[in-house]
Protein backbone atom coordinates (compact mmCIF):
# COMPACT_ATOMS: atom_id res chain seq x y z
CA MET A 1 1.59 -7.44 2.93
CA SER A 2 4.98 -6.02 3.86
CA SER A 3 7.73 -5.91 6.46
CA THR A 4 5.52 -3.63 8.54
CA VAL A 5 3.11 -6.53 9.08
CA LYS A 6 3.58 -8.50 12.28
CA ALA A 7 1.19 -11.42 11.94
CA LEU A 8 -0.07 -14.16 14.23
CA VAL A 9 -1.69 -17.13 12.48
CA ILE A 10 -3.54 -19.44 14.86
CA GLY A 11 -3.98 -22.93 13.45
CA ALA A 12 -0.97 -22.94 11.13
CA SER A 13 0.21 -26.54 10.82
CA ARG A 14 -1.44 -27.40 7.50
CA GLY A 15 -3.95 -26.34 4.86
CA LEU A 16 -4.93 -22.69 4.67
CA GLY A 17 -3.15 -21.76 7.89
CA LEU A 18 0.18 -23.07 6.64
CA GLU A 19 -0.25 -21.35 3.28
CA LEU A 20 -1.07 -18.06 4.99
CA VAL A 21 2.15 -18.36 6.98
CA LYS A 22 4.17 -19.10 3.84
CA LYS A 23 2.68 -16.19 1.91
CA LEU A 24 3.09 -13.72 4.77
CA LYS A 25 6.71 -14.72 5.28
CA ALA A 26 7.47 -14.55 1.56
CA ASP A 27 6.04 -11.02 1.51
CA GLY A 28 8.41 -9.93 4.26
CA ALA A 29 6.13 -10.01 7.29
CA GLU A 30 7.26 -11.03 10.76
CA VAL A 31 5.20 -14.15 11.45
CA PHE A 32 4.18 -16.07 14.56
CA ALA A 33 2.51 -19.43 13.88
CA SER A 34 0.60 -21.28 16.59
CA VAL A 35 0.16 -25.05 16.36
CA ARG A 36 -0.90 -27.89 18.65
CA THR A 37 2.17 -29.89 17.68
CA LYS A 38 5.05 -28.85 15.46
CA PRO A 39 4.63 -30.25 11.93
CA LYS A 40 7.14 -32.74 10.61
CA ASP A 41 9.51 -32.10 7.70
CA ASN A 42 10.02 -28.41 8.52
CA VAL A 43 7.06 -27.31 6.39
CA ILE A 44 6.85 -23.99 8.23
CA PRO A 45 9.35 -21.57 6.66
CA ALA A 46 12.59 -20.66 8.39
CA GLY A 47 12.37 -17.44 10.33
CA VAL A 48 8.79 -18.00 11.47
CA THR A 49 8.36 -18.12 15.25
CA ILE A 50 6.46 -21.33 16.04
CA ILE A 51 4.30 -21.35 19.16
CA GLU A 52 3.63 -24.97 20.11
CA GLY A 53 1.08 -26.52 22.44
CA VAL A 54 -1.81 -24.25 21.46
CA ASP A 55 -5.18 -26.04 21.50
CA VAL A 56 -7.87 -23.42 20.93
CA ALA A 57 -10.46 -25.69 22.55
CA GLN A 58 -8.66 -25.14 25.86
CA PRO A 59 -9.08 -21.94 27.91
CA ASN A 60 -5.32 -21.41 28.32
CA ALA A 61 -4.58 -21.22 24.59
CA GLY A 62 -4.43 -17.44 24.61
CA GLU A 63 -2.20 -17.40 27.68
CA ILE A 64 0.32 -19.69 25.97
CA ILE A 65 0.41 -17.42 22.91
CA VAL A 66 0.85 -14.27 24.98
CA GLN A 67 3.68 -15.84 26.97
CA GLN A 68 5.50 -16.81 23.79
CA LEU A 69 5.03 -13.38 22.23
CA GLN A 70 7.14 -12.07 25.14
CA GLY A 71 5.72 -8.57 25.07
CA ARG A 72 5.82 -8.19 21.29
CA GLN A 73 2.77 -6.77 19.52
CA VAL A 74 1.07 -7.99 16.36
CA ASN A 75 -1.05 -5.99 13.93
CA LEU A 76 -2.66 -8.91 12.12
CA VAL A 77 -4.27 -11.91 13.81
CA ILE A 78 -5.81 -14.69 11.72
CA ILE A 79 -7.79 -17.28 13.68
CA ASN A 80 -7.88 -20.25 11.35
CA ALA A 81 -8.24 -23.25 13.68
CA GLY A 82 -11.18 -25.43 12.76
CA TYR A 83 -12.83 -28.79 13.30
CA PHE A 84 -15.46 -30.55 11.17
CA THR A 85 -17.39 -33.78 11.65
CA THR A 86 -20.37 -34.68 9.47
CA GLU A 87 -23.74 -35.51 11.04
CA THR A 88 -27.28 -36.36 10.07
CA LEU A 89 -30.54 -36.12 11.97
CA ASP A 90 -30.44 -39.90 12.29
CA LYS A 91 -26.89 -39.87 13.66
CA PRO A 92 -26.00 -36.68 15.53
CA ASN A 93 -22.89 -36.70 17.71
CA PHE A 94 -23.00 -34.76 20.98
CA GLU A 95 -19.28 -34.90 21.78
CA GLU A 96 -18.26 -33.91 18.26
CA GLU A 97 -20.74 -31.03 18.19
CA MET A 98 -19.37 -29.71 21.46
CA LYS A 99 -15.83 -29.87 20.11
CA MET A 100 -16.82 -27.96 16.97
CA TYR A 101 -18.35 -25.18 19.05
CA GLN A 102 -15.35 -25.06 21.38
CA VAL A 103 -12.81 -24.77 18.57
CA VAL A 104 -14.75 -22.58 16.17
CA ALA A 105 -16.87 -20.27 18.32
CA VAL A 106 -15.80 -20.36 21.98
CA GLY A 107 -12.04 -20.43 21.49
CA PRO A 108 -11.79 -17.14 19.57
CA VAL A 109 -13.39 -15.20 22.44
CA PHE A 110 -10.69 -16.29 24.86
CA LEU A 111 -7.88 -15.89 22.34
CA VAL A 112 -8.83 -12.29 21.62
CA HIS A 113 -9.45 -11.63 25.33
CA HIS A 114 -5.89 -12.59 26.24
CA LEU A 115 -4.34 -10.73 23.31
CA HIS A 116 -6.31 -7.58 24.11
CA LYS A 117 -5.77 -7.59 27.87
CA SER A 118 -2.03 -8.21 27.50
CA ASN A 119 -1.67 -5.30 25.07
CA ALA A 120 -0.44 -7.69 22.37
CA LEU A 121 -2.62 -6.01 19.72
CA ALA A 122 -0.94 -3.04 18.06
CA ASP A 123 -2.78 0.15 17.17
CA ALA A 124 -5.11 -0.35 14.18
CA ALA A 125 -4.64 -4.13 14.34
CA LYS A 126 -6.83 -6.38 12.21
CA ILE A 127 -8.37 -9.62 13.46
CA VAL A 128 -9.63 -12.14 10.90
CA LEU A 129 -11.91 -15.04 11.81
CA ILE A 130 -11.78 -17.69 9.11
CA THR A 131 -15.34 -18.97 9.02
CA THR A 132 -17.38 -20.13 6.02
CA GLU A 133 -20.47 -19.33 4.01
CA GLY A 134 -21.82 -22.44 5.75
CA GLY A 135 -22.32 -20.16 8.76
CA SER A 136 -24.79 -17.98 6.89
CA ILE A 137 -28.37 -18.71 7.94
CA THR A 138 -29.70 -16.83 4.91
CA LEU A 139 -27.84 -19.11 2.48
CA ARG A 140 -29.26 -22.34 3.89
CA THR A 141 -32.09 -23.56 1.66
CA PRO A 142 -34.48 -26.53 1.42
CA GLU A 143 -32.78 -27.45 -1.84
CA GLU A 144 -29.44 -27.79 -0.07
CA GLY A 145 -31.01 -29.75 2.78
CA GLY A 146 -30.14 -30.09 6.45
CA GLY A 147 -27.65 -32.04 8.54
CA ASN A 148 -24.15 -31.10 9.69
CA TYR A 149 -25.65 -29.27 12.65
CA GLY A 150 -22.44 -28.75 14.57
CA HIS A 151 -20.57 -27.48 11.53
CA HIS A 152 -23.15 -24.94 10.40
CA GLY A 153 -24.18 -23.99 13.93
CA SER A 154 -20.63 -23.39 15.15
CA LYS A 155 -19.77 -21.31 12.09
CA ALA A 156 -22.90 -19.19 12.54
CA ALA A 157 -21.93 -18.76 16.19
CA ALA A 158 -18.40 -17.76 15.12
CA ASN A 159 -19.86 -15.06 12.89
CA MET A 160 -21.85 -13.72 15.83
CA VAL A 161 -18.75 -13.83 18.02
CA GLY A 162 -16.84 -11.86 15.40
CA LYS A 163 -19.58 -9.24 15.20
CA LEU A 164 -19.61 -8.80 18.98
CA LEU A 165 -15.81 -8.64 19.17
CA ALA A 166 -15.93 -5.96 16.48
CA ASN A 167 -18.37 -3.95 18.61
CA ASP A 168 -16.21 -4.30 21.72
CA LEU A 169 -12.95 -3.43 19.97
CA LYS A 170 -14.18 -0.67 17.65
CA GLN A 171 -13.39 2.07 20.16
CA HIS A 172 -9.82 0.78 20.33
CA GLY A 173 -9.35 1.12 16.57
CA ILE A 174 -9.16 -2.65 16.03
CA THR A 175 -10.89 -4.10 12.98
CA VAL A 176 -12.57 -7.53 13.06
CA VAL A 177 -13.83 -9.30 9.93
CA MET A 178 -15.14 -12.76 9.17
CA ILE A 179 -13.98 -14.42 5.96
CA HIS A 180 -15.14 -17.32 3.84
CA PRO A 181 -11.84 -18.08 2.07
CA GLY A 182 -13.36 -20.43 -0.49
CA PHE A 183 -14.08 -24.13 -0.90
CA MET A 184 -10.63 -25.72 -0.64
CA ARG A 185 -8.86 -28.96 -1.45
CA THR A 186 -7.72 -29.73 2.08
CA ASP A 187 -7.32 -32.72 4.37
CA MET A 188 -10.37 -31.45 6.26
CA THR A 189 -12.72 -31.44 3.26
CA ARG A 190 -11.31 -34.77 2.09
CA GLY A 191 -11.74 -36.21 5.59
CA VAL A 192 -15.48 -35.57 5.57
CA GLY A 193 -15.93 -36.88 2.03
CA TYR A 194 -16.27 -33.52 0.31
CA ASP A 195 -13.46 -34.30 -2.11
CA ILE A 196 -16.13 -35.77 -4.41
CA TYR A 197 -17.34 -32.18 -4.89
CA TRP A 198 -13.94 -30.61 -5.51
CA GLU A 199 -14.36 -30.46 -9.29
CA SER A 200 -18.04 -29.57 -9.49
CA GLY A 201 -17.76 -27.11 -6.60
CA GLY A 202 -14.73 -25.27 -7.98
CA ALA A 203 -12.51 -26.10 -5.00
CA VAL A 204 -9.15 -24.31 -4.99
CA GLU A 205 -5.79 -25.09 -3.48
CA PRO A 206 -5.18 -23.50 -0.05
CA SER A 207 -2.25 -21.55 -1.53
CA GLU A 208 -4.64 -19.80 -3.93
CA ALA A 209 -7.13 -19.05 -1.17
CA ALA A 210 -4.33 -17.64 0.99
CA VAL A 211 -3.42 -15.10 -1.69
CA SER A 212 -6.99 -13.86 -2.20
CA THR A 213 -7.60 -13.74 1.56
CA LEU A 214 -4.49 -11.69 2.30
CA ASN A 215 -5.06 -9.35 -0.65
CA PHE A 216 -8.54 -8.64 0.66
CA VAL A 217 -7.44 -8.19 4.27
CA ALA A 218 -4.81 -5.66 3.20
CA LYS A 219 -7.56 -3.46 1.74
CA ILE A 220 -10.20 -3.79 4.47
CA SER A 221 -10.89 -0.58 6.39
CA HIS A 222 -11.97 0.06 9.95
CA GLU A 223 -15.34 1.24 8.63
CA GLN A 224 -15.95 -2.35 7.52
CA THR A 225 -15.37 -3.88 10.95
CA GLY A 226 -17.91 -6.51 11.94
CA THR A 227 -18.68 -7.62 8.38
CA PHE A 228 -18.62 -11.03 6.68
CA TRP A 229 -16.94 -11.51 3.30
CA ALA A 230 -16.16 -13.91 0.48
CA PRO A 231 -13.04 -12.37 -1.13
CA ARG A 232 -13.33 -14.77 -4.07
CA GLY A 233 -16.95 -13.83 -4.66
CA PRO A 234 -19.88 -16.23 -5.21
CA ARG A 235 -18.07 -18.71 -7.47
CA ASP A 236 -17.97 -21.59 -4.96
CA ILE A 237 -21.06 -20.71 -2.92
CA GLY A 238 -23.65 -23.15 -4.18
CA GLU A 239 -26.78 -21.31 -3.08
CA ALA A 240 -25.56 -17.74 -3.68
CA GLU A 241 -27.41 -17.06 -6.92
CA ARG A 242 -30.56 -18.89 -5.81
CA VAL A 243 -30.78 -16.71 -2.69
CA LEU A 244 -29.07 -13.46 -3.64
CA GLY A 245 -29.62 -13.28 -7.40
CA LYS A 246 -27.31 -13.11 -10.40
CA GLY A 247 -24.54 -10.66 -11.19
CA LEU A 248 -23.05 -10.75 -7.71
CA PRO A 249 -19.84 -8.79 -7.08
CA THR A 250 -16.38 -9.96 -6.12
CA PRO A 251 -15.52 -9.62 -3.28
CA LEU A 252 -18.98 -10.42 -1.93
CA CYS A 253 -20.33 -9.20 1.40
CA LEU A 254 -22.19 -12.20 2.77
CA PRO A 255 -25.50 -12.16 4.67
CA TRP A 256 -25.80 -13.51 8.19
């Protein structure tokens, strides 16, 4: 990334989003960071434009961002906002499932709509949807089991949304990709009890995932729009070898 990059990171208050902001700024990019509420302790680097009050589950989130951009264009948009609640067949949660779909799959449509219609996307802009290999239907196996319906379902829906956005924006020269950044040591994975798998699952720090994500995004071409990737390869995708075989490449293009 360089000073020619003008980036908007949506969902930037902590975890991967915050580390993406830090890395982009350190590399000389102009950075806009959207958050619901401004983080304490000035964790967002100086010089980053913070856009507060952005809740991607609300239909006006994109309008707030566009207003704060004040006519400026961006050439990189990373939609990182997420929400995760665990469920089982015995104890599903309707309200929590709806929230996961709103944040993960519905919100991005309206965010991109407002950015596109307001001419906030520069020529040859790139849009990145941070999803997960958990949204791949192909990689779900009987051995892994079921459950977490809202999580997996919303991520699969987000991948479909990204594919459709790529189709709609292709004629405008805008590239859309979906990225599984890796299994990370974050408050979100700890909050759902997945920290017990950090060691066995090869979980990485968000700062490490931010570097591999941005390095990959810098190299992605418009011909690859509408595709789904794991920049770090299969190393933390539990069912990858069982389903796709051994000797998988890095980066890895993931199946739907």
